């Protein structure tokens, strides 16, 4: 699978907790408009990726696992 389109357009090291919180709120609001939501486990996974705690490859693997079991 070509994951190049999933590469973030920001540097993870430059992302503060405040920025992450704001981005997550915006994303959740956008999804809610469409009647969608990210499960709590998915939200934590995104936070870990944005903090640089996990690699992009690990993020995609975990996201796929969450998506296919939901």
N, C-alpha and C. Protein backbone atom coordinates (compact mmCIF):
# COMPACT_ATOMS: atom_id res chain seq x y z
N UNK A 1 0.85 -1.18 0.00
CA UNK A 1 0.00 0.00 0.00
C UNK A 1 0.89 1.24 0.00
N UNK A 2 0.59 2.17 -0.91
CA UNK A 2 1.33 3.42 -0.97
C UNK A 2 0.83 4.35 0.11
N UNK A 3 1.68 4.65 1.09
CA UNK A 3 1.28 5.50 2.21
C UNK A 3 1.76 6.93 2.05
N UNK A 4 2.32 7.28 0.90
CA UNK A 4 2.87 8.61 0.73
C UNK A 4 1.82 9.71 0.87
N UNK A 5 0.58 9.40 0.53
CA UNK A 5 -0.47 10.43 0.64
C UNK A 5 -0.88 10.66 2.09
N UNK A 6 -0.45 9.79 3.00
CA UNK A 6 -0.81 9.92 4.40
C UNK A 6 0.26 10.63 5.23
N UNK A 7 1.29 11.10 4.59
CA UNK A 7 2.37 11.76 5.33
C UNK A 7 1.89 13.12 5.82
N UNK A 8 2.16 13.44 7.08
CA UNK A 8 1.72 14.73 7.61
C UNK A 8 2.43 15.88 6.92
N UNK A 9 1.75 17.02 6.86
CA UNK A 9 2.32 18.20 6.22
C UNK A 9 2.93 19.14 7.25
N UNK A 10 3.21 18.66 8.43
CA UNK A 10 3.80 19.44 9.50
C UNK A 10 4.90 18.63 10.13
N UNK A 11 5.69 19.28 10.94
CA UNK A 11 6.74 18.58 11.67
C UNK A 11 6.21 18.24 13.05
N UNK A 12 6.17 16.97 13.37
CA UNK A 12 5.61 16.51 14.63
C UNK A 12 6.30 17.17 15.81
N UNK A 13 7.59 17.37 15.73
CA UNK A 13 8.34 17.96 16.84
C UNK A 13 7.88 19.37 17.19
N UNK A 14 7.27 20.05 16.23
CA UNK A 14 6.84 21.44 16.43
C UNK A 14 5.41 21.55 16.96
N UNK A 15 4.74 20.45 17.18
CA UNK A 15 3.34 20.47 17.57
C UNK A 15 3.21 20.45 19.09
N UNK A 16 2.58 21.49 19.64
CA UNK A 16 2.39 21.57 21.09
C UNK A 16 1.09 20.88 21.50
N UNK A 17 0.96 20.58 22.77
CA UNK A 17 -0.28 19.97 23.27
C UNK A 17 -1.47 20.88 23.01
N UNK A 18 -1.26 22.18 23.10
CA UNK A 18 -2.34 23.13 22.83
C UNK A 18 -2.77 23.04 21.36
N UNK A 19 -1.80 22.96 20.45
CA UNK A 19 -2.11 22.82 19.03
C UNK A 19 -2.82 21.51 18.74
N UNK A 20 -2.36 20.45 19.39
CA UNK A 20 -2.98 19.14 19.20
C UNK A 20 -4.43 19.17 19.66
N UNK A 21 -4.67 19.75 20.82
CA UNK A 21 -6.02 19.84 21.36
C UNK A 21 -6.93 20.62 20.41
N UNK A 22 -6.45 21.74 19.91
CA UNK A 22 -7.24 22.56 18.99
C UNK A 22 -7.53 21.82 17.69
N UNK A 23 -6.53 21.14 17.16
CA UNK A 23 -6.71 20.40 15.92
C UNK A 23 -7.70 19.24 16.10
N UNK A 24 -7.61 18.57 17.24
CA UNK A 24 -8.52 17.46 17.51
C UNK A 24 -9.96 17.97 17.64
N UNK A 25 -10.15 19.09 18.30
CA UNK A 25 -11.50 19.66 18.43
C UNK A 25 -12.07 20.02 17.07
N UNK A 26 -11.26 20.63 16.22
CA UNK A 26 -11.72 20.99 14.88
C UNK A 26 -12.08 19.75 14.07
N UNK A 27 -11.24 18.74 14.14
CA UNK A 27 -11.49 17.51 13.40
C UNK A 27 -12.77 16.84 13.90
N UNK A 28 -12.95 16.78 15.21
CA UNK A 28 -14.15 16.17 15.77
C UNK A 28 -15.40 16.93 15.35
N UNK A 29 -15.33 18.26 15.32
CA UNK A 29 -16.47 19.07 14.90
C UNK A 29 -16.80 18.82 13.43
N UNK A 30 -15.78 18.73 12.60
CA UNK A 30 -16.00 18.46 11.18
C UNK A 30 -16.64 17.10 10.97
N UNK A 31 -16.16 16.12 11.68
CA UNK A 31 -16.74 14.78 11.58
C UNK A 31 -18.18 14.76 12.08
N UNK A 32 -18.44 15.47 13.17
CA UNK A 32 -19.78 15.49 13.75
C UNK A 32 -20.80 16.06 12.76
N UNK A 33 -20.39 17.03 11.96
CA UNK A 33 -21.28 17.59 10.94
C UNK A 33 -21.74 16.51 9.98
N UNK A 34 -20.87 15.58 9.70
CA UNK A 34 -21.19 14.47 8.79
C UNK A 34 -21.82 13.28 9.52
N UNK A 35 -22.02 13.41 10.82
CA UNK A 35 -22.60 12.32 11.59
C UNK A 35 -21.61 11.22 11.92
N UNK A 36 -20.34 11.56 11.91
CA UNK A 36 -19.28 10.59 12.19
C UNK A 36 -18.54 10.95 13.46
N UNK A 37 -17.80 9.99 14.00
CA UNK A 37 -16.99 10.23 15.19
C UNK A 37 -15.81 9.27 15.19
N UNK A 38 -14.73 9.70 15.80
CA UNK A 38 -13.54 8.85 15.96
C UNK A 38 -13.63 8.23 17.34
N UNK A 39 -13.50 6.90 17.44
CA UNK A 39 -13.55 6.28 18.77
C UNK A 39 -12.40 6.77 19.64
N UNK A 40 -12.58 6.69 20.94
CA UNK A 40 -11.57 7.15 21.89
C UNK A 40 -10.19 6.57 21.62
N UNK A 41 -10.15 5.30 21.28
CA UNK A 41 -8.87 4.66 20.98
C UNK A 41 -8.21 5.31 19.77
N UNK A 42 -9.01 5.67 18.79
CA UNK A 42 -8.49 6.33 17.60
C UNK A 42 -7.98 7.72 17.92
N UNK A 43 -8.68 8.42 18.79
CA UNK A 43 -8.25 9.76 19.19
C UNK A 43 -6.89 9.71 19.89
N UNK A 44 -6.73 8.75 20.76
CA UNK A 44 -5.45 8.62 21.47
C UNK A 44 -4.34 8.25 20.50
N UNK A 45 -4.65 7.43 19.51
CA UNK A 45 -3.66 7.06 18.50
C UNK A 45 -3.20 8.30 17.73
N UNK A 46 -4.13 9.16 17.35
CA UNK A 46 -3.78 10.39 16.64
C UNK A 46 -2.90 11.28 17.53
N UNK A 47 -3.27 11.41 18.79
CA UNK A 47 -2.46 12.22 19.70
C UNK A 47 -1.03 11.69 19.80
N UNK A 48 -0.88 10.36 19.90
CA UNK A 48 0.46 9.77 19.98
C UNK A 48 1.27 10.08 18.73
N UNK A 49 0.62 10.02 17.58
CA UNK A 49 1.33 10.32 16.33
C UNK A 49 1.73 11.79 16.28
N UNK A 50 0.82 12.67 16.66
CA UNK A 50 1.12 14.10 16.62
C UNK A 50 2.21 14.49 17.60
N UNK A 51 2.31 13.76 18.71
CA UNK A 51 3.38 14.02 19.69
C UNK A 51 4.71 13.39 19.27
N UNK A 52 4.69 12.58 18.23
CA UNK A 52 5.90 11.91 17.78
C UNK A 52 6.24 10.67 18.57
N UNK A 53 5.27 10.13 19.30
CA UNK A 53 5.50 8.95 20.14
C UNK A 53 5.51 7.66 19.33
N UNK A 54 4.89 7.69 18.15
CA UNK A 54 4.88 6.51 17.27
C UNK A 54 5.20 6.96 15.85
N UNK A 55 5.72 6.04 15.06
CA UNK A 55 6.06 6.35 13.67
C UNK A 55 4.80 6.36 12.80
N UNK A 56 4.94 6.91 11.60
CA UNK A 56 3.82 6.92 10.65
C UNK A 56 3.40 5.49 10.30
N UNK A 57 4.37 4.61 10.13
CA UNK A 57 4.06 3.22 9.80
C UNK A 57 3.28 2.55 10.93
N UNK A 58 3.70 2.78 12.17
CA UNK A 58 2.99 2.20 13.32
C UNK A 58 1.59 2.80 13.45
N UNK A 59 1.48 4.09 13.16
CA UNK A 59 0.18 4.75 13.20
C UNK A 59 -0.78 4.11 12.20
N UNK A 60 -0.32 3.94 10.96
CA UNK A 60 -1.17 3.37 9.93
C UNK A 60 -1.57 1.93 10.25
N UNK A 61 -0.64 1.17 10.78
CA UNK A 61 -0.94 -0.22 11.15
C UNK A 61 -2.01 -0.27 12.24
N UNK A 62 -1.85 0.54 13.28
CA UNK A 62 -2.81 0.57 14.38
C UNK A 62 -4.17 1.11 13.92
N UNK A 63 -4.14 2.15 13.07
CA UNK A 63 -5.40 2.72 12.56
C UNK A 63 -6.17 1.68 11.75
N UNK A 64 -5.47 0.92 10.95
CA UNK A 64 -6.11 -0.13 10.17
C UNK A 64 -6.73 -1.19 11.07
N UNK A 65 -6.02 -1.56 12.12
CA UNK A 65 -6.55 -2.54 13.08
C UNK A 65 -7.82 -2.02 13.74
N UNK A 66 -7.82 -0.76 14.15
CA UNK A 66 -9.01 -0.17 14.78
C UNK A 66 -10.16 -0.13 13.78
N UNK A 67 -9.87 0.30 12.56
CA UNK A 67 -10.93 0.46 11.55
C UNK A 67 -11.55 -0.87 11.16
N UNK A 68 -10.77 -1.92 11.11
CA UNK A 68 -11.31 -3.19 10.66
C UNK A 68 -12.02 -3.98 11.75
N UNK A 69 -11.82 -3.60 13.00
CA UNK A 69 -12.51 -4.33 14.06
C UNK A 69 -13.78 -3.59 14.51
N UNK A 70 -13.90 -2.32 14.15
CA UNK A 70 -15.09 -1.53 14.56
C UNK A 70 -16.30 -1.96 13.77
